[in-house]
Each structure stands twice: as C-alpha cells, then as structure tokens.
Amino acid sequence: SFNFKINQILCKNFSKDANAKAIMLQNKAEADRALSEAEMRELERQISHDRKLRDFMKLKSQERQEDEELLTYRKRKEVEALEKRRKEKEEHSVEAYESKFKQIQDISREQDLDKLVDKFIEVEDKNFALFNYVNELNNQIEILQEQIDEIKKEIRHFEVQGMDLEDQRKKTLDQLEEKSSHATRLADEHEEKSRTGKKILEQCRGGIDSLFRKIGCDRRQIESLLQSHEGVTEENMLRYLGIIEERTNELLMAQAAI
C-alpha cells in the first residue's frame, strides 16, 4: 500500500554526508571520554588532597587513623560508582539507538542502509513534487473560475443590452457560451485532478503520521512549533517531514557509530 511504501522509505538523503556525521559522532564520543577522564582526574586530585590531610591529622593524633581509612574507602567507592554509572549510560545509549534503528528496518523490511536512504530520498522528492503539483492545480482552477465569472458577466451584459442585430447577438452569445463550456470542462478536469492529488496527499498524511509515531519523534516539539494539535495537514506536512528527517538522521548517526 502507499502508506507502507511511505513507511518503507522514510530515511532521507543523508548518505552523502554519513561519513562526516560519523566523524562528528566519534568526536563527540571522544569529548565525552575526555570529560569522564577529567572527572576522574578531579576525583583523584580530591583523593590525594584528602590523603595529605589525613597524613597531617595522623601526625596530630593517631586516633584519627580509622576515620581516615574510612574516608579513603568512601572516596574509592565514589570513584567506582561514578565509573559504573558512566559505563551503564554508554551501554544504555548504544542499546537505545540499536533498538530504534532495528524498528526502522522492521518497518521498511530493508536491511541495506544505502538502499533505505535511496528509497527515502526518492519518496520525499515525489511527495514534494506532488505537493507543488496540487498547489499548481488549485491556482489554475482559481484562474479558470475567474474566467468563467467574467464570461458570465459578459453574457448577462449582452442579454440586458438587447442587441438590435439578433444574428450578431446570437453569434456572440454562442461564442461566449462555447468559451464558458470549454472553461467549465477545463475546470472540471482540473478539479478531478485536484481531488486525486488531495486523496494521494491524504494517504501521504496518514503514512507520515504513522512513521512519525513509530520512529519515536517528539510530538510535543512539532505541536509547540506549529502552535496546533490538529496533526498532519497539507499545510504542515513539510514541517512533519523535517522532524522525521532530523529523527532519522539521529538514528543513522547512532547506527554509524555502533
């Protein structure tokens, strides 16, 4: 179905900068490691400071020896707890990204990352082209309707004036009516095309909304941005696609770092 194809493809044109984004993610990981190492050095500095303080107090009173040993033990436990939390956070982050990427693969039934990206690019280009096509049809319908109204106005004008030359009047009316009929036929054709286009857009809307939920996009973010809770519409469809693109980009960068 069309909705399935939307879900199958939505992974956008990120392949050409995947290497750069992978490097960016690697740099972030290195920065996180550097921060963790800095925290460890700070803890070691604090422990060293406490040890020196303990030695000083030991000279003053041997009774403080047990307290100092307890302090050292606590500091060592704090360091161990910090290292454990850091490792758990890294493991949880990797597992979360793997889970989200696996969801995209299950939805699309496509295991090849490059093919997934190519299909996403293709469907987004088609959606954008269709969106522009429907807008163009609506503009043409408005122009044709204005022409029809103008022709009808001319017909009424000739009817009111009551031309003396009946043959000329009839000929003129026939010409105007022919123009009106032709314009009406064109308007009907464009109206039918517009309905078809809107139907396809409605299918796109459903597919976009479904994928928006399945890949874990933040609905509060888009609702806050649009100041609306009405969901996906023709007017905000591209905004939703932008949020999906950002979310997919995050998942792709996470997968590239795994």
Protein backbone atom coordinates (compact mmCIF):
# COMPACT_ATOMS: atom_id res chain seq x y z
CA SER A 1 0.00 0.00 0.00
CA PHE A 2 1.00 3.63 -0.34
CA ASN A 3 1.28 4.05 3.43
CA PHE A 4 3.57 1.04 3.61
CA LYS A 5 5.76 2.46 0.88
CA ILE A 6 6.00 5.73 2.84
CA ASN A 7 6.99 3.78 5.95
CA GLN A 8 9.36 1.67 3.90
CA ILE A 9 11.30 4.55 2.53
CA LEU A 10 11.45 7.42 5.03
CA CYS A 11 15.16 7.59 5.75
CA LYS A 12 16.22 10.72 3.66
CA ASN A 13 19.20 11.97 1.83
CA PHE A 14 21.82 11.56 4.48
CA SER A 15 24.08 9.00 2.75
CA LYS A 16 26.29 11.60 1.12
CA ASP A 17 27.24 13.14 4.47
CA ALA A 18 27.16 9.92 6.51
CA ASN A 19 30.95 9.87 6.87
CA ALA A 20 31.02 13.45 8.13
CA LYS A 21 28.25 12.71 10.62
CA ALA A 22 30.02 9.55 11.77
CA ILE A 23 33.17 11.60 12.37
CA MET A 24 31.09 14.16 14.26
CA LEU A 25 29.64 11.39 16.46
CA GLN A 26 33.13 9.96 17.02
CA ASN A 27 34.40 13.41 18.04
CA LYS A 28 31.51 13.70 20.49
CA ALA A 29 32.35 10.29 21.97
CA GLU A 30 35.98 11.36 22.35
CA ALA A 31 34.85 14.58 24.00
CA ASP A 32 32.66 12.56 26.40
CA ARG A 33 35.62 10.33 27.22
CA ALA A 34 37.81 13.37 27.78
CA LEU A 35 35.16 14.78 30.14
CA SER A 36 34.99 11.48 32.02
CA GLU A 37 38.78 11.40 32.29
CA ALA A 38 38.74 14.98 33.58
CA GLU A 39 36.19 13.96 36.21
CA MET A 40 38.38 11.01 37.17
CA ARG A 41 41.43 13.26 37.47
CA GLU A 42 39.42 15.65 39.65
CA LEU A 43 38.38 12.78 41.90
CA GLU A 44 41.97 11.55 42.07
CA ARG A 45 43.08 15.08 42.96
CA GLN A 46 40.46 15.21 45.69
CA ILE A 47 41.53 11.82 47.00
CA SER A 48 45.16 12.94 47.00
CA HIS A 49 44.17 16.06 48.88
CA ASP A 50 42.24 14.01 51.42
CA ARG A 51 45.19 11.65 51.81
CA LYS A 52 47.54 14.55 52.54
CA LEU A 53 45.05 15.91 55.04
CA ARG A 54 44.82 12.51 56.64
CA ASP A 55 48.61 12.29 56.95
CA PHE A 56 48.70 15.69 58.59
CA MET A 57 45.99 14.77 61.04
CA LYS A 58 47.71 11.47 61.74
CA LEU A 59 50.73 13.38 63.00
CA LYS A 60 48.44 15.27 65.34
CA SER A 61 46.51 12.32 66.58
CA GLN A 62 46.78 8.59 65.94
CA GLU A 63 43.16 8.30 66.99
CA ARG A 64 42.08 9.64 63.58
CA GLN A 65 43.64 6.73 61.68
CA GLU A 66 40.45 4.70 61.44
CA ASP A 67 38.44 7.74 60.28
CA GLU A 68 40.98 8.49 57.57
CA GLU A 69 40.88 4.90 56.31
CA LEU A 70 37.10 5.13 56.20
CA LEU A 71 37.31 8.37 54.18
CA THR A 72 39.69 6.75 51.69
CA TYR A 73 37.36 3.78 51.40
CA ARG A 74 34.40 6.06 50.72
CA LYS A 75 36.29 8.03 48.08
CA ARG A 76 37.31 4.82 46.35
CA LYS A 77 33.69 3.68 46.35
CA GLU A 78 32.61 7.03 44.89
CA VAL A 79 35.11 6.62 42.03
CA GLU A 80 33.91 3.07 41.40
CA ALA A 81 30.26 4.19 41.43
CA LEU A 82 30.99 7.04 39.00
CA GLU A 83 32.77 4.69 36.59
CA LYS A 84 29.91 2.19 36.83
CA ARG A 85 27.29 4.89 36.06
CA ARG A 86 29.35 6.08 33.08
CA LYS A 87 29.56 2.57 31.61
CA GLU A 88 25.84 1.94 32.20
CA LYS A 89 24.97 5.23 30.45
CA GLU A 90 27.10 4.34 27.42
CA GLU A 91 25.60 0.84 27.20
CA HIS A 92 22.04 2.20 27.51
CA SER A 93 22.65 4.81 24.79
CA VAL A 94 24.02 2.23 22.33
CA GLU A 95 21.16 -0.19 23.06
CA ALA A 96 18.56 2.57 22.55
CA TYR A 97 19.97 3.60 19.17
CA GLU A 98 20.24 -0.03 18.07
CA SER A 99 16.60 -0.59 19.05
CA LYS A 100 15.34 2.46 17.10
CA PHE A 101 17.32 1.56 14.01
CA LYS A 102 16.03 -2.02 14.21
CA GLN A 103 12.46 -0.61 14.28
CA ILE A 104 13.11 1.29 11.04
CA GLN A 105 14.49 -1.85 9.41
CA ASP A 106 11.49 -3.89 10.57
CA ILE A 107 9.03 -1.31 9.25
CA SER A 108 10.73 -0.95 5.89
CA ARG A 109 11.78 -4.62 5.58
CA GLU A 110 15.03 -3.32 4.13
CA GLN A 111 18.31 -4.31 5.78
CA ASP A 112 20.61 -2.48 3.35
CA LEU A 113 21.26 1.02 4.76
CA ASP A 114 22.22 2.53 1.39
CA LYS A 115 19.03 1.22 -0.25
CA LEU A 116 16.99 2.52 2.67
CA VAL A 117 18.45 6.00 2.24
CA ASP A 118 17.96 5.95 -1.56
CA LYS A 119 14.30 4.99 -1.18
CA PHE A 120 13.74 7.68 1.40
CA ILE A 121 15.21 10.31 -0.92
CA GLU A 122 13.03 9.09 -3.79
CA VAL A 123 9.75 9.22 -1.86
CA GLU A 124 10.46 12.64 -0.39
CA ASP A 125 11.20 14.04 -3.85
CA LYS A 126 7.92 12.56 -5.11
CA ASN A 127 5.97 13.96 -2.16
CA PHE A 128 7.40 17.43 -2.68
CA ALA A 129 6.68 17.30 -6.43
CA LEU A 130 3.11 16.13 -5.75
CA PHE A 131 2.61 18.88 -3.20
CA ASN A 132 3.69 21.50 -5.75
CA TYR A 133 1.51 19.89 -8.44
CA VAL A 134 -1.63 20.09 -6.29
CA ASN A 135 -0.91 23.73 -5.48
CA GLU A 136 -0.48 24.49 -9.19
CA LEU A 137 -3.79 22.78 -9.98
CA ASN A 138 -5.54 24.85 -7.33
CA ASN A 139 -4.10 28.03 -8.83
CA GLN A 140 -5.27 27.03 -12.32
CA ILE A 141 -8.77 26.27 -11.02
CA GLU A 142 -8.96 29.72 -9.45
CA ILE A 143 -7.87 31.35 -12.73
CA LEU A 144 -10.42 29.35 -14.73
CA GLN A 145 -13.17 30.22 -12.28
CA GLU A 146 -12.35 33.90 -12.67
CA GLN A 147 -12.56 33.49 -16.46
CA ILE A 148 -15.93 31.75 -16.15
CA ASP A 149 -17.27 34.54 -13.94
CA GLU A 150 -16.06 37.16 -16.42
CA ILE A 151 -17.66 35.36 -19.35
CA LYS A 152 -20.95 35.02 -17.49
CA LYS A 153 -20.80 38.72 -16.74
CA GLU A 154 -20.38 39.46 -20.45
CA ILE A 155 -23.30 37.17 -21.30
CA ARG A 156 -25.53 38.99 -18.84
CA HIS A 157 -24.33 42.29 -20.27
CA PHE A 158 -25.38 41.32 -23.79
CA GLU A 159 -28.69 39.95 -22.57
CA VAL A 160 -29.52 43.21 -20.77
CA GLN A 161 -28.46 45.45 -23.66
CA GLY A 162 -30.69 43.55 -26.09
CA MET A 163 -28.68 43.99 -29.26
CA ASP A 164 -30.62 45.17 -32.32
CA LEU A 165 -28.90 42.68 -34.60
CA GLU A 166 -30.28 39.34 -33.42
CA ASP A 167 -27.95 37.28 -35.59
CA GLN A 168 -24.88 39.08 -34.32
CA ARG A 169 -26.11 38.81 -30.76
CA LYS A 170 -26.76 35.09 -31.15
CA LYS A 171 -23.35 34.55 -32.72
CA THR A 172 -21.67 36.46 -29.92
CA LEU A 173 -23.63 34.57 -27.28
CA ASP A 174 -22.76 31.27 -28.93
CA GLN A 175 -19.09 32.18 -28.88
CA LEU A 176 -19.27 33.20 -25.25
CA GLU A 177 -21.19 30.08 -24.29
CA GLU A 178 -18.66 27.94 -26.13
CA LYS A 179 -15.87 29.65 -24.20
CA SER A 180 -17.82 29.14 -20.99
CA SER A 181 -18.39 25.45 -21.75
CA HIS A 182 -14.73 24.99 -22.62
CA ALA A 183 -13.60 26.76 -19.47
CA THR A 184 -16.06 24.70 -17.41
CA ARG A 185 -14.74 21.46 -18.89
CA LEU A 186 -11.17 22.52 -18.10
CA ALA A 187 -12.21 23.47 -14.58
CA ASP A 188 -13.89 20.09 -14.10
CA GLU A 189 -10.78 18.30 -15.34
CA HIS A 190 -8.54 20.28 -13.02
CA GLU A 191 -10.98 19.74 -10.17
CA GLU A 192 -10.83 15.97 -10.72
CA LYS A 193 -7.03 16.10 -10.81
CA SER A 194 -7.06 18.17 -7.66
CA ARG A 195 -9.29 15.64 -5.88
CA THR A 196 -6.96 12.83 -6.94
CA GLY A 197 -3.95 14.77 -5.75
CA LYS A 198 -5.61 15.55 -2.43
CA LYS A 199 -6.51 11.90 -1.99
CA ILE A 200 -2.88 10.93 -2.50
CA LEU A 201 -1.81 13.67 -0.10
CA GLU A 202 -4.24 12.28 2.46
CA GLN A 203 -2.60 8.89 2.09
CA CYS A 204 0.78 10.57 2.50
CA ARG A 205 -0.52 12.33 5.60
CA GLY A 206 -1.53 9.04 7.18
CA GLY A 207 1.80 7.45 6.32
CA ILE A 208 3.77 10.40 7.67
CA ASP A 209 1.77 10.42 10.92
CA SER A 210 2.27 6.66 11.33
CA LEU A 211 6.02 6.85 10.77
CA PHE A 212 6.25 9.96 12.97
CA ARG A 213 4.96 7.85 15.86
CA LYS A 214 6.82 4.63 15.04
CA ILE A 215 10.34 6.11 15.00
CA GLY A 216 9.77 7.95 18.27
CA CYS A 217 9.50 11.59 17.11
CA ASP A 218 8.59 14.10 19.82
CA ARG A 219 5.01 15.19 19.06
CA ARG A 220 5.21 17.94 21.66
CA GLN A 221 8.05 19.53 19.69
CA ILE A 222 6.03 19.83 16.45
CA GLU A 223 2.85 20.89 18.29
CA SER A 224 4.81 23.60 20.09
CA LEU A 225 6.39 24.69 16.80
CA LEU A 226 3.06 24.85 14.96
CA GLN A 227 1.04 26.06 17.96
CA SER A 228 -1.54 23.43 16.97
CA HIS A 229 -2.73 19.95 17.94
CA GLU A 230 -4.53 19.09 14.69
CA GLY A 231 -1.84 16.63 13.49
CA VAL A 232 -0.52 16.30 9.92
CA THR A 233 -2.21 18.59 7.35
CA GLU A 234 -1.41 19.74 3.82
CA GLU A 235 -0.08 23.00 5.25
CA ASN A 236 2.29 21.47 7.83
CA MET A 237 3.22 18.23 6.03
CA LEU A 238 6.69 19.50 5.13
CA ARG A 239 7.27 20.52 8.77
CA TYR A 240 6.50 16.94 9.88
CA LEU A 241 8.83 15.58 7.19
CA GLY A 242 11.53 17.89 8.54
CA ILE A 243 11.12 16.49 12.08
CA ILE A 244 11.15 12.93 10.68
CA GLU A 245 14.31 13.79 8.75
CA GLU A 246 16.03 15.05 11.91
CA ARG A 247 14.96 11.98 13.90
CA THR A 248 16.08 9.60 11.14
CA ASN A 249 19.38 11.49 10.96
CA GLU A 250 19.91 10.89 14.68
CA LEU A 251 19.24 7.17 14.28
CA LEU A 252 21.55 6.92 11.27
CA MET A 253 24.37 8.71 13.10
CA ALA A 254 23.88 6.38 16.07
CA GLN A 255 23.98 3.34 13.79
CA ALA A 256 27.13 4.64 12.09
CA ALA A 257 28.84 4.91 15.47
CA ILE A 258 27.99 1.36 16.51
